[in-house]
Amino acid sequence: MDRAQKAAAVAELNRTFSEVGVVVVTRNNGMTVAQSTRLRNAMRDAGATYKVSKNKLAKIALDGTDYGSVGDMLTGPVGLATSIDPVAAAKVAVEFAKTNDKFEIVGGAMGATPLDVAGVAALATLPSLDELRAKIVGLLVAPATKLATITQAPAAQIARVLSAYAEKEAA
């Protein structure tokens, strides 16, 4: 990698760190290409990204961002899982770590708040942004549905009474 490529990589990482809501640092000791591809696809499906970069370049890119606390975790073969949704990257990383013994979560950060392994696992248990939005919509729609049911009930009762009288007179 020449100097221009390194500068471009640092600029891209810095831009990523300034846009995301969470960074999860993982250690990947001997993962195969197929496992890495499966992890990247799972991250992409969840709206997150997974990138392996040189530790020195990542440490340089952390300057001027809220994720400076992640710099101490960048030792050995690490990868960075990032996402705008603070829960997405953590969920995928924790799920993948359960099924792969060569993939380990080191820690991470959510903004300026550093996270240890337990913090990342706790973050993964929270509902995602899309799930929270669905719950809010459900809460907003529920009263309207109940109101519609209540207003239709008297009309249905009147229709049944009139139908009963009509059947009685016809008989």
N, C-alpha and C. Protein backbone atom coordinates (compact mmCIF):
# COMPACT_ATOMS: atom_id res chain seq x y z
N MET A 1 0.85 -1.17 0.00
CA MET A 1 0.00 0.00 0.00
C MET A 1 0.90 1.23 0.00
N ASP A 2 0.73 2.08 -0.99
CA ASP A 2 1.57 3.28 -1.02
C ASP A 2 0.93 4.39 -0.18
N ARG A 3 1.61 5.50 -0.08
CA ARG A 3 1.19 6.60 0.80
C ARG A 3 -0.18 7.16 0.42
N ALA A 4 -0.48 7.28 -0.86
CA ALA A 4 -1.77 7.82 -1.30
C ALA A 4 -2.91 6.87 -0.92
N GLN A 5 -2.67 5.58 -1.07
CA GLN A 5 -3.69 4.60 -0.70
C GLN A 5 -3.93 4.61 0.80
N LYS A 6 -2.87 4.76 1.57
CA LYS A 6 -3.01 4.83 3.02
C LYS A 6 -3.80 6.07 3.43
N ALA A 7 -3.52 7.20 2.79
CA ALA A 7 -4.24 8.43 3.10
C ALA A 7 -5.72 8.29 2.75
N ALA A 8 -6.01 7.65 1.63
CA ALA A 8 -7.41 7.43 1.24
C ALA A 8 -8.10 6.50 2.23
N ALA A 9 -7.41 5.46 2.67
CA ALA A 9 -8.00 4.52 3.64
C ALA A 9 -8.28 5.20 4.97
N VAL A 10 -7.35 6.05 5.42
CA VAL A 10 -7.54 6.78 6.67
C VAL A 10 -8.72 7.74 6.54
N ALA A 11 -8.80 8.45 5.41
CA ALA A 11 -9.91 9.39 5.21
C ALA A 11 -11.25 8.66 5.18
N GLU A 12 -11.31 7.50 4.54
CA GLU A 12 -12.55 6.74 4.49
C GLU A 12 -12.95 6.23 5.87
N LEU A 13 -11.97 5.72 6.62
CA LEU A 13 -12.26 5.26 7.98
C LEU A 13 -12.71 6.40 8.88
N ASN A 14 -12.07 7.55 8.76
CA ASN A 14 -12.44 8.71 9.56
C ASN A 14 -13.86 9.14 9.24
N ARG A 15 -14.24 9.14 7.97
CA ARG A 15 -15.60 9.49 7.56
C ARG A 15 -16.59 8.48 8.14
N THR A 16 -16.22 7.21 8.10
CA THR A 16 -17.08 6.16 8.65
C THR A 16 -17.27 6.36 10.15
N PHE A 17 -16.18 6.63 10.88
CA PHE A 17 -16.28 6.82 12.32
C PHE A 17 -17.11 8.04 12.69
N SER A 18 -17.12 9.04 11.86
CA SER A 18 -17.90 10.24 12.18
C SER A 18 -19.38 10.08 11.83
N GLU A 19 -19.75 9.06 11.04
CA GLU A 19 -21.14 8.86 10.64
C GLU A 19 -21.87 7.78 11.42
N VAL A 20 -21.17 6.83 12.01
CA VAL A 20 -21.81 5.66 12.59
C VAL A 20 -22.26 5.89 14.03
N GLY A 21 -23.15 5.01 14.49
CA GLY A 21 -23.65 5.09 15.86
C GLY A 21 -22.95 4.14 16.80
N VAL A 22 -22.30 3.11 16.24
CA VAL A 22 -21.59 2.14 17.08
C VAL A 22 -20.42 1.54 16.30
N VAL A 23 -19.36 1.22 17.03
CA VAL A 23 -18.21 0.50 16.48
C VAL A 23 -17.96 -0.70 17.39
N VAL A 24 -17.95 -1.88 16.81
CA VAL A 24 -17.67 -3.11 17.56
C VAL A 24 -16.34 -3.65 17.04
N VAL A 25 -15.39 -3.83 17.96
CA VAL A 25 -14.07 -4.35 17.61
C VAL A 25 -14.09 -5.85 17.84
N THR A 26 -13.68 -6.59 16.81
CA THR A 26 -13.68 -8.06 16.89
C THR A 26 -12.30 -8.59 16.56
N ARG A 27 -12.02 -9.78 17.07
CA ARG A 27 -10.76 -10.45 16.75
C ARG A 27 -11.12 -11.69 15.93
N ASN A 28 -10.48 -11.82 14.79
CA ASN A 28 -10.77 -12.95 13.90
C ASN A 28 -9.50 -13.77 13.71
N ASN A 29 -9.33 -14.76 14.55
CA ASN A 29 -8.13 -15.61 14.51
C ASN A 29 -8.36 -16.80 13.60
N GLY A 30 -7.94 -16.70 12.35
CA GLY A 30 -7.99 -17.84 11.45
C GLY A 30 -9.34 -18.11 10.81
N MET A 31 -10.15 -17.09 10.61
CA MET A 31 -11.43 -17.30 9.93
C MET A 31 -11.16 -17.59 8.45
N THR A 32 -11.97 -18.46 7.88
CA THR A 32 -11.84 -18.77 6.46
C THR A 32 -12.51 -17.68 5.64
N VAL A 33 -12.26 -17.70 4.36
CA VAL A 33 -12.87 -16.72 3.46
C VAL A 33 -14.40 -16.90 3.45
N ALA A 34 -14.85 -18.14 3.47
CA ALA A 34 -16.29 -18.41 3.47
C ALA A 34 -16.95 -17.86 4.74
N GLN A 35 -16.30 -18.01 5.89
CA GLN A 35 -16.84 -17.48 7.13
C GLN A 35 -16.86 -15.95 7.10
N SER A 36 -15.80 -15.37 6.59
CA SER A 36 -15.74 -13.91 6.47
C SER A 36 -16.82 -13.39 5.55
N THR A 37 -17.04 -14.08 4.45
CA THR A 37 -18.08 -13.68 3.50
C THR A 37 -19.45 -13.79 4.13
N ARG A 38 -19.68 -14.87 4.88
CA ARG A 38 -20.97 -15.04 5.55
C ARG A 38 -21.19 -13.92 6.57
N LEU A 39 -20.15 -13.54 7.30
CA LEU A 39 -20.26 -12.45 8.27
C LEU A 39 -20.56 -11.13 7.58
N ARG A 40 -19.84 -10.85 6.50
CA ARG A 40 -20.07 -9.59 5.77
C ARG A 40 -21.49 -9.53 5.21
N ASN A 41 -21.98 -10.65 4.68
CA ASN A 41 -23.35 -10.68 4.14
C ASN A 41 -24.38 -10.46 5.24
N ALA A 42 -24.16 -11.07 6.41
CA ALA A 42 -25.08 -10.86 7.53
C ALA A 42 -25.06 -9.41 7.98
N MET A 43 -23.88 -8.82 8.02
CA MET A 43 -23.77 -7.41 8.39
C MET A 43 -24.50 -6.53 7.38
N ARG A 44 -24.29 -6.80 6.11
CA ARG A 44 -24.92 -6.01 5.05
C ARG A 44 -26.45 -6.11 5.14
N ASP A 45 -26.95 -7.33 5.39
CA ASP A 45 -28.40 -7.52 5.51
C ASP A 45 -28.98 -6.73 6.68
N ALA A 46 -28.20 -6.55 7.73
CA ALA A 46 -28.67 -5.83 8.92
C ALA A 46 -28.43 -4.32 8.81
N GLY A 47 -27.80 -3.87 7.74
CA GLY A 47 -27.52 -2.44 7.59
C GLY A 47 -26.21 -2.02 8.25
N ALA A 48 -25.33 -2.96 8.44
CA ALA A 48 -24.03 -2.69 9.06
C ALA A 48 -22.92 -3.05 8.09
N THR A 49 -21.69 -2.72 8.46
CA THR A 49 -20.54 -3.08 7.64
C THR A 49 -19.48 -3.73 8.53
N TYR A 50 -18.66 -4.56 7.91
CA TYR A 50 -17.55 -5.20 8.61
C TYR A 50 -16.31 -5.00 7.77
N LYS A 51 -15.28 -4.43 8.38
CA LYS A 51 -14.08 -4.12 7.63
C LYS A 51 -12.85 -4.48 8.45
N VAL A 52 -11.90 -5.09 7.79
CA VAL A 52 -10.60 -5.37 8.40
C VAL A 52 -9.64 -4.32 7.86
N SER A 53 -8.96 -3.64 8.77
CA SER A 53 -8.01 -2.62 8.32
C SER A 53 -6.75 -2.71 9.17
N LYS A 54 -5.74 -2.05 8.72
CA LYS A 54 -4.49 -2.03 9.48
C LYS A 54 -4.72 -1.24 10.76
N ASN A 55 -4.23 -1.76 11.86
CA ASN A 55 -4.45 -1.13 13.15
C ASN A 55 -3.90 0.29 13.22
N LYS A 56 -2.72 0.49 12.66
CA LYS A 56 -2.10 1.81 12.71
C LYS A 56 -2.95 2.83 11.95
N LEU A 57 -3.46 2.43 10.77
CA LEU A 57 -4.31 3.34 9.99
C LEU A 57 -5.62 3.62 10.72
N ALA A 58 -6.19 2.61 11.35
CA ALA A 58 -7.44 2.80 12.09
C ALA A 58 -7.23 3.73 13.28
N LYS A 59 -6.09 3.60 13.96
CA LYS A 59 -5.80 4.49 15.09
C LYS A 59 -5.66 5.93 14.63
N ILE A 60 -5.04 6.13 13.47
CA ILE A 60 -4.91 7.48 12.92
C ILE A 60 -6.29 8.03 12.56
N ALA A 61 -7.14 7.18 12.00
CA ALA A 61 -8.48 7.61 11.59
C ALA A 61 -9.36 7.93 12.79
N LEU A 62 -9.08 7.37 13.95
CA LEU A 62 -9.88 7.63 15.15
C LEU A 62 -9.69 9.05 15.68
N ASP A 63 -8.59 9.70 15.34
CA ASP A 63 -8.34 11.05 15.82
C ASP A 63 -9.44 11.99 15.35
N GLY A 64 -9.96 12.78 16.27
CA GLY A 64 -11.00 13.75 15.93
C GLY A 64 -12.40 13.18 15.91
N THR A 65 -12.57 11.92 16.33
CA THR A 65 -13.90 11.31 16.40
C THR A 65 -14.22 10.96 17.85
N ASP A 66 -15.45 10.57 18.10
CA ASP A 66 -15.86 10.18 19.45
C ASP A 66 -15.35 8.80 19.85
N TYR A 67 -14.79 8.07 18.92
CA TYR A 67 -14.41 6.68 19.15
C TYR A 67 -12.95 6.50 19.52
N GLY A 68 -12.34 7.48 20.13
CA GLY A 68 -10.93 7.39 20.51
C GLY A 68 -10.64 6.26 21.49
N SER A 69 -11.63 5.88 22.30
CA SER A 69 -11.44 4.82 23.28
C SER A 69 -11.22 3.46 22.64
N VAL A 70 -11.58 3.31 21.37
CA VAL A 70 -11.43 2.05 20.65
C VAL A 70 -9.96 1.79 20.32
N GLY A 71 -9.15 2.84 20.28
CA GLY A 71 -7.75 2.71 19.89
C GLY A 71 -6.96 1.69 20.69
N ASP A 72 -7.25 1.57 21.99
CA ASP A 72 -6.53 0.61 22.83
C ASP A 72 -6.88 -0.84 22.49
N MET A 73 -8.02 -1.05 21.87
CA MET A 73 -8.47 -2.41 21.52
C MET A 73 -7.88 -2.91 20.20
N LEU A 74 -7.24 -2.04 19.47
CA LEU A 74 -6.73 -2.39 18.14
C LEU A 74 -5.35 -3.01 18.23
N THR A 75 -5.32 -4.27 18.63
CA THR A 75 -4.07 -5.04 18.67
C THR A 75 -4.35 -6.41 18.08
N GLY A 76 -3.45 -6.88 17.26
CA GLY A 76 -3.63 -8.18 16.63
C GLY A 76 -4.57 -8.10 15.43
N PRO A 77 -5.01 -9.26 14.95
CA PRO A 77 -5.89 -9.28 13.78
C PRO A 77 -7.33 -8.92 14.17
N VAL A 78 -7.69 -7.66 14.00
CA VAL A 78 -9.03 -7.20 14.39
C VAL A 78 -9.83 -6.75 13.18
N GLY A 79 -11.12 -6.73 13.37
CA GLY A 79 -12.04 -6.20 12.37
C GLY A 79 -12.97 -5.23 13.05
N LEU A 80 -13.50 -4.31 12.27
CA LEU A 80 -14.38 -3.28 12.80
C LEU A 80 -15.78 -3.44 12.21
N ALA A 81 -16.75 -3.70 13.07
CA ALA A 81 -18.14 -3.76 12.65
C ALA A 81 -18.78 -2.43 13.02
N THR A 82 -19.38 -1.76 12.04
CA THR A 82 -19.96 -0.45 12.28
C THR A 82 -21.38 -0.40 11.72
N SER A 83 -22.20 0.45 12.33
CA SER A 83 -23.54 0.68 11.80
C SER A 83 -24.08 2.00 12.33
N ILE A 84 -24.96 2.58 11.56
CA ILE A 84 -25.61 3.82 11.99
C ILE A 84 -26.58 3.52 13.12
N ASP A 85 -27.35 2.43 12.97
CA ASP A 85 -28.24 1.96 14.03
C ASP A 85 -27.35 1.39 15.13
N PRO A 86 -27.43 1.91 16.35
CA PRO A 86 -26.52 1.47 17.41
C PRO A 86 -26.63 0.00 17.78
N VAL A 87 -27.66 -0.70 17.32
CA VAL A 87 -27.86 -2.08 17.74
C VAL A 87 -27.47 -3.08 16.65
N ALA A 88 -27.56 -2.71 15.39
CA ALA A 88 -27.42 -3.65 14.28
C ALA A 88 -26.08 -4.38 14.27
N ALA A 89 -24.99 -3.65 14.32
CA ALA A 89 -23.66 -4.28 14.25
C ALA A 89 -23.42 -5.17 15.46
N ALA A 90 -23.86 -4.74 16.63
CA ALA A 90 -23.67 -5.53 17.84
C ALA A 90 -24.45 -6.84 17.77
N LYS A 91 -25.69 -6.78 17.28
CA LYS A 91 -26.51 -7.99 17.18
C LYS A 91 -25.87 -9.02 16.26
N VAL A 92 -25.46 -8.58 15.09
CA VAL A 92 -24.87 -9.52 14.13
C VAL A 92 -23.56 -10.09 14.67
N ALA A 93 -22.74 -9.25 15.28
CA ALA A 93 -21.45 -9.72 15.81
C ALA A 93 -21.67 -10.75 16.92
N VAL A 94 -22.59 -10.49 17.83
CA VAL A 94 -22.85 -11.42 18.93
C VAL A 94 -23.41 -12.73 18.40
N GLU A 95 -24.34 -12.67 17.45
CA GLU A 95 -24.91 -13.89 16.87
C GLU A 95 -23.84 -14.71 16.15
N PHE A 96 -22.97 -14.02 15.40
CA PHE A 96 -21.92 -14.72 14.67
C PHE A 96 -20.90 -15.34 15.62
N ALA A 97 -20.60 -14.65 16.71
CA ALA A 97 -19.64 -15.17 17.69
C ALA A 97 -20.16 -16.44 18.36
N LYS A 98 -21.48 -16.56 18.47
CA LYS A 98 -22.05 -17.77 19.08
C LYS A 98 -21.82 -19.00 18.22
N THR A 99 -21.76 -18.82 16.91
CA THR A 99 -21.65 -19.95 16.00
C THR A 99 -20.23 -20.18 15.48
N ASN A 100 -19.31 -19.28 15.78
CA ASN A 100 -17.95 -19.38 15.25
C ASN A 100 -16.95 -19.17 16.37
N ASP A 101 -16.14 -20.19 16.67
CA ASP A 101 -15.19 -20.08 17.76
C ASP A 101 -13.94 -19.28 17.40
N LYS A 102 -13.73 -18.99 16.13
CA LYS A 102 -12.56 -18.21 15.71
C LYS A 102 -12.85 -16.72 15.65
N PHE A 103 -14.06 -16.35 16.00
CA PHE A 103 -14.50 -14.95 15.97
C PHE A 103 -14.82 -14.54 17.40
N GLU A 104 -14.17 -13.48 17.86
CA GLU A 104 -14.32 -13.07 19.25
C GLU A 104 -14.55 -11.57 19.31
N ILE A 105 -15.43 -11.14 20.19
CA ILE A 105 -15.70 -9.72 20.37
C ILE A 105 -14.74 -9.18 21.42
N VAL A 106 -14.05 -8.10 21.09
CA VAL A 106 -13.07 -7.50 21.99
C VAL A 106 -13.73 -6.39 22.81
N GLY A 107 -14.59 -5.61 22.18
CA GLY A 107 -15.25 -4.49 22.83
C GLY A 107 -15.79 -3.56 21.76
N GLY A 108 -15.91 -2.31 22.10
CA GLY A 108 -16.41 -1.35 21.13
C GLY A 108 -16.72 -0.02 21.79
N ALA A 109 -17.50 0.77 21.09
CA ALA A 109 -17.91 2.06 21.61
C ALA A 109 -19.21 2.49 20.93
N MET A 110 -20.01 3.19 21.70
CA MET A 110 -21.23 3.79 21.16
C MET A 110 -21.07 5.28 21.39
N GLY A 111 -20.62 5.98 20.36
CA GLY A 111 -20.28 7.39 20.53
C GLY A 111 -19.04 7.48 21.40
N ALA A 112 -19.09 8.35 22.41
CA ALA A 112 -17.96 8.52 23.31
C ALA A 112 -17.97 7.50 24.44
N THR A 113 -18.98 6.65 24.50
CA THR A 113 -19.10 5.66 25.57
C THR A 113 -18.40 4.37 25.19
N PRO A 114 -17.32 4.01 25.89
CA PRO A 114 -16.65 2.73 25.57
C PRO A 114 -17.48 1.56 26.06
N LEU A 115 -17.41 0.45 25.34
CA LEU A 115 -18.14 -0.77 25.69
C LEU A 115 -17.17 -1.92 25.83
N ASP A 116 -17.34 -2.71 26.87
CA ASP A 116 -16.58 -3.95 26.98
C ASP A 116 -17.40 -5.06 26.32
N VAL A 117 -16.95 -6.30 26.45
CA VAL A 117 -17.64 -7.42 25.82
C VAL A 117 -19.07 -7.54 26.34
N ALA A 118 -19.24 -7.38 27.66
CA ALA A 118 -20.57 -7.46 28.26
C ALA A 118 -21.45 -6.30 27.77
N GLY A 119 -20.87 -5.13 27.57
CA GLY A 119 -21.63 -3.99 27.06
C GLY A 119 -22.12 -4.21 25.64
N VAL A 120 -21.28 -4.82 24.81
CA VAL A 120 -21.68 -5.12 23.43
C VAL A 120 -22.80 -6.17 23.44
N ALA A 121 -22.67 -7.18 24.33
CA ALA A 121 -23.71 -8.21 24.43
C ALA A 121 -25.02 -7.61 24.92
N ALA A 122 -24.95 -6.70 25.87
CA ALA A 122 -26.16 -6.04 26.37
C ALA A 122 -26.79 -5.18 25.27
N LEU A 123 -25.97 -4.51 24.50
CA LEU A 123 -26.47 -3.69 23.40
C LEU A 123 -27.16 -4.55 22.36
N ALA A 124 -26.66 -5.76 22.16
CA ALA A 124 -27.25 -6.67 21.16
C ALA A 124 -28.62 -7.17 21.57
N THR A 125 -28.94 -7.12 22.86
CA THR A 125 -30.25 -7.58 23.31
C THR A 125 -31.34 -6.53 23.15
N LEU A 126 -30.95 -5.29 22.92
CA LEU A 126 -31.94 -4.23 22.75
C LEU A 126 -32.64 -4.35 21.40
N PRO A 127 -33.88 -3.86 21.30
CA PRO A 127 -34.55 -3.89 20.00
C PRO A 127 -33.89 -2.90 19.03
N SER A 128 -33.89 -3.24 17.76
CA SER A 128 -33.28 -2.37 16.77
C SER A 128 -34.17 -1.17 16.51
N LEU A 129 -33.65 -0.22 15.76
CA LEU A 129 -34.39 0.99 15.44
C LEU A 129 -35.68 0.66 14.68
N ASP A 130 -35.62 -0.28 13.74
CA ASP A 130 -36.81 -0.66 12.99
C ASP A 130 -37.85 -1.32 13.88
N GLU A 131 -37.40 -2.15 14.83
CA GLU A 131 -38.34 -2.80 15.75
C GLU A 131 -39.01 -1.76 16.63
N LEU A 132 -38.26 -0.76 17.10
CA LEU A 132 -38.85 0.30 17.92
C LEU A 132 -39.87 1.11 17.12
N ARG A 133 -39.56 1.39 15.87
CA ARG A 133 -40.51 2.11 15.03
C ARG A 133 -41.79 1.31 14.84
N ALA A 134 -41.67 0.01 14.64
CA ALA A 134 -42.84 -0.84 14.46
C ALA A 134 -43.70 -0.85 15.73
N LYS A 135 -43.06 -0.89 16.88
CA LYS A 135 -43.81 -0.86 18.14
C LYS A 135 -44.56 0.46 18.30
N ILE A 136 -43.91 1.57 17.95
CA ILE A 136 -44.56 2.88 18.06
C ILE A 136 -45.75 2.96 17.11
N VAL A 137 -45.59 2.50 15.89
CA VAL A 137 -46.71 2.51 14.94
C VAL A 137 -47.85 1.64 15.46
N GLY A 138 -47.51 0.48 16.03
CA GLY A 138 -48.53 -0.39 16.59
C GLY A 138 -49.28 0.28 17.73
N LEU A 139 -48.56 1.00 18.57
CA LEU A 139 -49.21 1.71 19.67
C LEU A 139 -50.10 2.84 19.17
N LEU A 140 -49.68 3.49 18.09
CA LEU A 140 -50.49 4.58 17.54
C LEU A 140 -51.74 4.06 16.83
N VAL A 141 -51.63 2.91 16.19
CA VAL A 141 -52.75 2.35 15.42
C VAL A 141 -53.76 1.66 16.32
N ALA A 142 -53.33 1.11 17.44
CA ALA A 142 -54.22 0.33 18.31
C ALA A 142 -55.44 1.12 18.78
N PRO A 143 -55.31 2.37 19.26
CA PRO A 143 -56.50 3.10 19.68
C PRO A 143 -57.48 3.35 18.53
N ALA A 144 -56.97 3.61 17.35
CA ALA A 144 -57.85 3.84 16.21
C ALA A 144 -58.62 2.58 15.86
N THR A 145 -57.95 1.43 15.95
CA THR A 145 -58.62 0.16 15.67
C THR A 145 -59.71 -0.12 16.70
N LYS A 146 -59.40 0.12 17.97
CA LYS A 146 -60.40 -0.08 19.02
C LYS A 146 -61.58 0.88 18.84
N LEU A 147 -61.29 2.11 18.48
CA LEU A 147 -62.35 3.09 18.26
C LEU A 147 -63.26 2.66 17.11
N ALA A 148 -62.68 2.17 16.04
CA ALA A 148 -63.49 1.71 14.91
C ALA A 148 -64.35 0.52 15.31
N THR A 149 -63.82 -0.38 16.11
CA THR A 149 -64.58 -1.55 16.56
C THR A 149 -65.75 -1.12 17.44
N ILE A 150 -65.50 -0.18 18.34
CA ILE A 150 -66.55 0.29 19.26
C ILE A 150 -67.66 1.00 18.50
N THR A 151 -67.30 1.82 17.53
CA THR A 151 -68.33 2.56 16.79
C THR A 151 -69.13 1.65 15.87
N GLN A 152 -68.56 0.55 15.43
CA GLN A 152 -69.29 -0.38 14.57
C GLN A 152 -70.20 -1.30 15.36
N ALA A 153 -69.93 -1.53 16.62
CA ALA A 153 -70.70 -2.47 17.43
C ALA A 153 -72.18 -2.09 17.55
N PRO A 154 -72.55 -0.83 17.88
CA PRO A 154 -73.98 -0.50 17.98
C PRO A 154 -74.71 -0.67 16.64
N ALA A 155 -74.09 -0.31 15.57
CA ALA A 155 -74.73 -0.45 14.26
C ALA A 155 -74.98 -1.92 13.94
N ALA A 156 -74.05 -2.78 14.31
CA ALA A 156 -74.22 -4.22 14.07
C ALA A 156 -75.36 -4.77 14.93
N GLN A 157 -75.46 -4.28 16.18
CA GLN A 157 -76.55 -4.73 17.05
C GLN A 157 -77.90 -4.30 16.50
N ILE A 158 -78.01 -3.07 16.02
CA ILE A 158 -79.27 -2.59 15.44
C ILE A 158 -79.63 -3.42 14.22
N ALA A 159 -78.66 -3.74 13.39
CA ALA A 159 -78.92 -4.56 12.20
C ALA A 159 -79.42 -5.94 12.60
N ARG A 160 -78.87 -6.53 13.65
CA ARG A 160 -79.34 -7.85 14.10
C ARG A 160 -80.76 -7.79 14.65
N VAL A 161 -81.08 -6.72 15.39
CA VAL A 161 -82.44 -6.56 15.93
C VAL A 161 -83.45 -6.41 14.79
N LEU A 162 -83.13 -5.55 13.80
CA LEU A 162 -84.03 -5.36 12.66
C LEU A 162 -84.18 -6.64 11.87
N SER A 163 -83.11 -7.40 11.73
CA SER A 163 -83.17 -8.66 11.01
C SER A 163 -84.06 -9.66 11.76
N ALA A 164 -83.96 -9.66 13.09
CA ALA A 164 -84.80 -10.56 13.88
C ALA A 164 -86.26 -10.20 13.74
N TYR A 165 -86.61 -8.88 13.75
CA TYR A 165 -87.99 -8.47 13.59
C TYR A 165 -88.49 -8.83 12.20
N ALA A 166 -87.66 -8.68 11.19
CA ALA A 166 -88.07 -9.00 9.82
C ALA A 166 -88.34 -10.50 9.69
N GLU A 167 -87.50 -11.31 10.30
CA GLU A 167 -87.71 -12.76 10.26
C GLU A 167 -88.98 -13.15 11.03
N LYS A 168 -89.27 -12.43 12.13
CA LYS A 168 -90.45 -12.72 12.95
C LYS A 168 -91.74 -12.39 12.18
N GLU A 169 -91.74 -11.27 11.45
CA GLU A 169 -92.93 -10.86 10.67
C GLU A 169 -93.10 -11.75 9.45
N ALA A 170 -92.01 -12.23 8.89
CA ALA A 170 -92.11 -13.10 7.72
C ALA A 170 -92.67 -14.47 8.11
N ALA A 171 -92.48 -14.87 9.31
CA ALA A 171 -92.93 -16.21 9.75
C ALA A 171 -94.37 -16.27 10.10
